[in-house]
Amino acid sequence: MSDAVGPGDLVLCVNAAPNHVTGQPVPLVAGETYRVFGVYEYSCPCGRGDALLDINVDFAWCQTRFRLLPKPKAEARPRRVSAPKEKETVR
């Protein structure tokens, strides 16, 4: 996943389990989205991830805690709606 993730990408937290090294609770919330500020190409001590993600919360987190969200598509512009012209009846 580290090849696909870059600064500015949105990731979804899927694992807010306690820290696997210290056992302390983490400040992450499962189901919340976070913006990636940096990707560090260091192996996580757990051995499952090949990169650490900096999401500006506490310190860098193992990439296995997150899933990459698709990039947002272009915003839809409001379109003009064509309405039928009202005819005025003349008597």
C-alpha atoms as a PDB file:
ATOM      1  CA  MET A   1       0.000   0.000   0.000  1.00  0.00           C
ATOM      2  CA  SER A   2       2.919   2.398   0.616  1.00  0.00           C
ATOM      3  CA  ASP A   3       3.437   2.744  -3.150  1.00  0.00           C
ATOM      4  CA  ALA A   4      -0.142   3.917  -3.615  1.00  0.00           C
ATOM      5  CA  VAL A   5      -0.314   6.268  -0.599  1.00  0.00           C
ATOM      6  CA  GLY A   6       1.157   9.732  -0.724  1.00  0.00           C
ATOM      7  CA  PRO A   7       0.892  13.032   1.100  1.00  0.00           C
ATOM      8  CA  GLY A   8      -2.583  14.518   0.832  1.00  0.00           C
ATOM      9  CA  ASP A   9      -4.372  11.182   0.347  1.00  0.00           C
ATOM     10  CA  LEU A  10      -7.324  10.201   2.531  1.00  0.00           C
ATOM     11  CA  VAL A  11      -7.175   6.965   4.509  1.00  0.00           C
ATOM     12  CA  LEU A  12      -9.832   5.184   6.538  1.00  0.00           C
ATOM     13  CA  CYS A  13      -8.901   3.849   9.990  1.00  0.00           C
ATOM     14  CA  VAL A  14      -9.953   0.196  10.140  1.00  0.00           C
ATOM     15  CA  ASN A  15      -7.987  -0.865  13.217  1.00  0.00           C
ATOM     16  CA  ALA A  16      -8.027   1.231  16.389  1.00  0.00           C
ATOM     17  CA  ALA A  17      -6.710  -1.625  18.562  1.00  0.00           C
ATOM     18  CA  PRO A  18      -4.276  -0.752  21.338  1.00  0.00           C
ATOM     19  CA  ASN A  19      -0.636  -0.186  20.439  1.00  0.00           C
ATOM     20  CA  HIS A  20       0.797  -3.634  19.681  1.00  0.00           C
ATOM     21  CA  VAL A  21       4.170  -2.773  21.247  1.00  0.00           C
ATOM     22  CA  THR A  22       3.157  -0.994  24.469  1.00  0.00           C
ATOM     23  CA  GLY A  23      -0.481  -2.093  24.845  1.00  0.00           C
ATOM     24  CA  GLN A  24      -1.605   1.494  25.456  1.00  0.00           C
ATOM     25  CA  PRO A  25      -4.819   2.788  23.858  1.00  0.00           C
ATOM     26  CA  VAL A  26      -4.395   4.768  20.647  1.00  0.00           C
ATOM     27  CA  PRO A  27      -6.034   8.117  19.838  1.00  0.00           C
ATOM     28  CA  LEU A  28      -7.349   6.799  16.512  1.00  0.00           C
ATOM     29  CA  VAL A  29     -11.045   6.164  15.908  1.00  0.00           C
ATOM     30  CA  ALA A  30     -12.168   3.236  13.759  1.00  0.00           C
ATOM     31  CA  GLY A  31     -14.264   4.438  10.837  1.00  0.00           C
ATOM     32  CA  GLU A  32     -12.747   7.945  10.814  1.00  0.00           C
ATOM     33  CA  THR A  33     -10.911   9.332   7.808  1.00  0.00           C
ATOM     34  CA  TYR A  34      -7.496  10.929   8.128  1.00  0.00           C
ATOM     35  CA  ARG A  35      -5.310  12.902   5.704  1.00  0.00           C
ATOM     36  CA  VAL A  36      -1.778  11.586   5.158  1.00  0.00           C
ATOM     37  CA  PHE A  37       0.938  14.177   5.790  1.00  0.00           C
ATOM     38  CA  GLY A  38       3.895  11.890   5.151  1.00  0.00           C
ATOM     39  CA  VAL A  39       4.910   8.331   4.352  1.00  0.00           C
ATOM     40  CA  TYR A  40       7.987   6.899   6.061  1.00  0.00           C
ATOM     41  CA  GLU A  41       9.501   3.887   4.322  1.00  0.00           C
ATOM     42  CA  TYR A  42      10.401   2.100   7.565  1.00  0.00           C
ATOM     43  CA  SER A  43       9.202  -1.376   8.435  1.00  0.00           C
ATOM     44  CA  CYS A  44       6.761  -1.446  11.320  1.00  0.00           C
ATOM     45  CA  PRO A  45       7.932  -3.443  14.372  1.00  0.00           C
ATOM     46  CA  CYS A  46       4.885  -5.712  13.931  1.00  0.00           C
ATOM     47  CA  GLY A  47       6.356  -6.976  10.647  1.00  0.00           C
ATOM     48  CA  ARG A  48       3.074  -6.576   8.747  1.00  0.00           C
ATOM     49  CA  GLY A  49       3.630  -3.139   7.247  1.00  0.00           C
ATOM     50  CA  ASP A  50       6.459  -1.843   5.104  1.00  0.00           C
ATOM     51  CA  ALA A  51       5.720   1.837   5.826  1.00  0.00           C
ATOM     52  CA  LEU A  52       4.568   4.161   8.577  1.00  0.00           C
ATOM     53  CA  LEU A  53       1.979   6.868   7.874  1.00  0.00           C
ATOM     54  CA  ASP A  54       2.073  10.300   9.478  1.00  0.00           C
ATOM     55  CA  ILE A  55      -1.519  11.501   9.858  1.00  0.00           C
ATOM     56  CA  ASN A  56      -0.640  14.324  12.275  1.00  0.00           C
ATOM     57  CA  VAL A  57      -2.076  12.436  15.260  1.00  0.00           C
ATOM     58  CA  ASP A  58       0.500  11.542  17.912  1.00  0.00           C
ATOM     59  CA  PHE A  59       3.243   9.861  15.820  1.00  0.00           C
ATOM     60  CA  ALA A  60       3.555   7.683  12.703  1.00  0.00           C
ATOM     61  CA  TRP A  61       1.210   4.690  12.516  1.00  0.00           C
ATOM     62  CA  CYS A  62       1.507   1.281  10.858  1.00  0.00           C
ATOM     63  CA  GLN A  63      -0.068   1.309   7.419  1.00  0.00           C
ATOM     64  CA  THR A  64      -2.043  -1.853   8.256  1.00  0.00           C
ATOM     65  CA  ARG A  65      -4.341   0.266  10.434  1.00  0.00           C
ATOM     66  CA  PHE A  66      -5.619   2.121   7.368  1.00  0.00           C
ATOM     67  CA  ARG A  67      -7.219   1.568   3.970  1.00  0.00           C
ATOM     68  CA  LEU A  68      -6.686   3.999   1.121  1.00  0.00           C
ATOM     69  CA  LEU A  69      -9.849   5.807   0.045  1.00  0.00           C
ATOM     70  CA  PRO A  70     -10.433   6.572  -3.632  1.00  0.00           C
ATOM     71  CA  LYS A  71      -9.584  10.054  -4.792  1.00  0.00           C
ATOM     72  CA  PRO A  72     -12.606  12.356  -4.878  1.00  0.00           C
ATOM     73  CA  LYS A  73     -14.042  12.975  -8.315  1.00  0.00           C
ATOM     74  CA  ALA A  74     -14.545  16.433  -9.719  1.00  0.00           C
ATOM     75  CA  GLU A  75     -17.307  18.349  -8.040  1.00  0.00           C
ATOM     76  CA  ALA A  76     -20.567  18.498  -9.947  1.00  0.00           C
ATOM     77  CA  ARG A  77     -21.454  21.941 -11.194  1.00  0.00           C
ATOM     78  CA  PRO A  78     -25.045  23.088 -10.942  1.00  0.00           C
ATOM     79  CA  ARG A  79     -26.720  22.706 -14.304  1.00  0.00           C
ATOM     80  CA  ARG A  80     -29.306  24.926 -15.839  1.00  0.00           C
ATOM     81  CA  VAL A  81     -32.672  23.297 -15.752  1.00  0.00           C
ATOM     82  CA  SER A  82     -34.797  23.937 -18.772  1.00  0.00           C
ATOM     83  CA  ALA A  83     -38.359  24.537 -17.759  1.00  0.00           C
ATOM     84  CA  PRO A  84     -41.228  24.800 -20.211  1.00  0.00           C
ATOM     85  CA  LYS A  85     -42.218  28.365 -20.982  1.00  0.00           C
ATOM     86  CA  GLU A  86     -45.563  29.385 -19.645  1.00  0.00           C
ATOM     87  CA  LYS A  87     -47.919  30.656 -22.314  1.00  0.00           C
ATOM     88  CA  GLU A  88     -50.090  33.593 -21.597  1.00  0.00           C
ATOM     89  CA  THR A  89     -53.612  33.212 -22.918  1.00  0.00           C
ATOM     90  CA  VAL A  90     -55.051  36.350 -24.541  1.00  0.00           C
ATOM     91  CA  ARG A  91     -58.844  36.687 -24.988  1.00  0.00           C
END
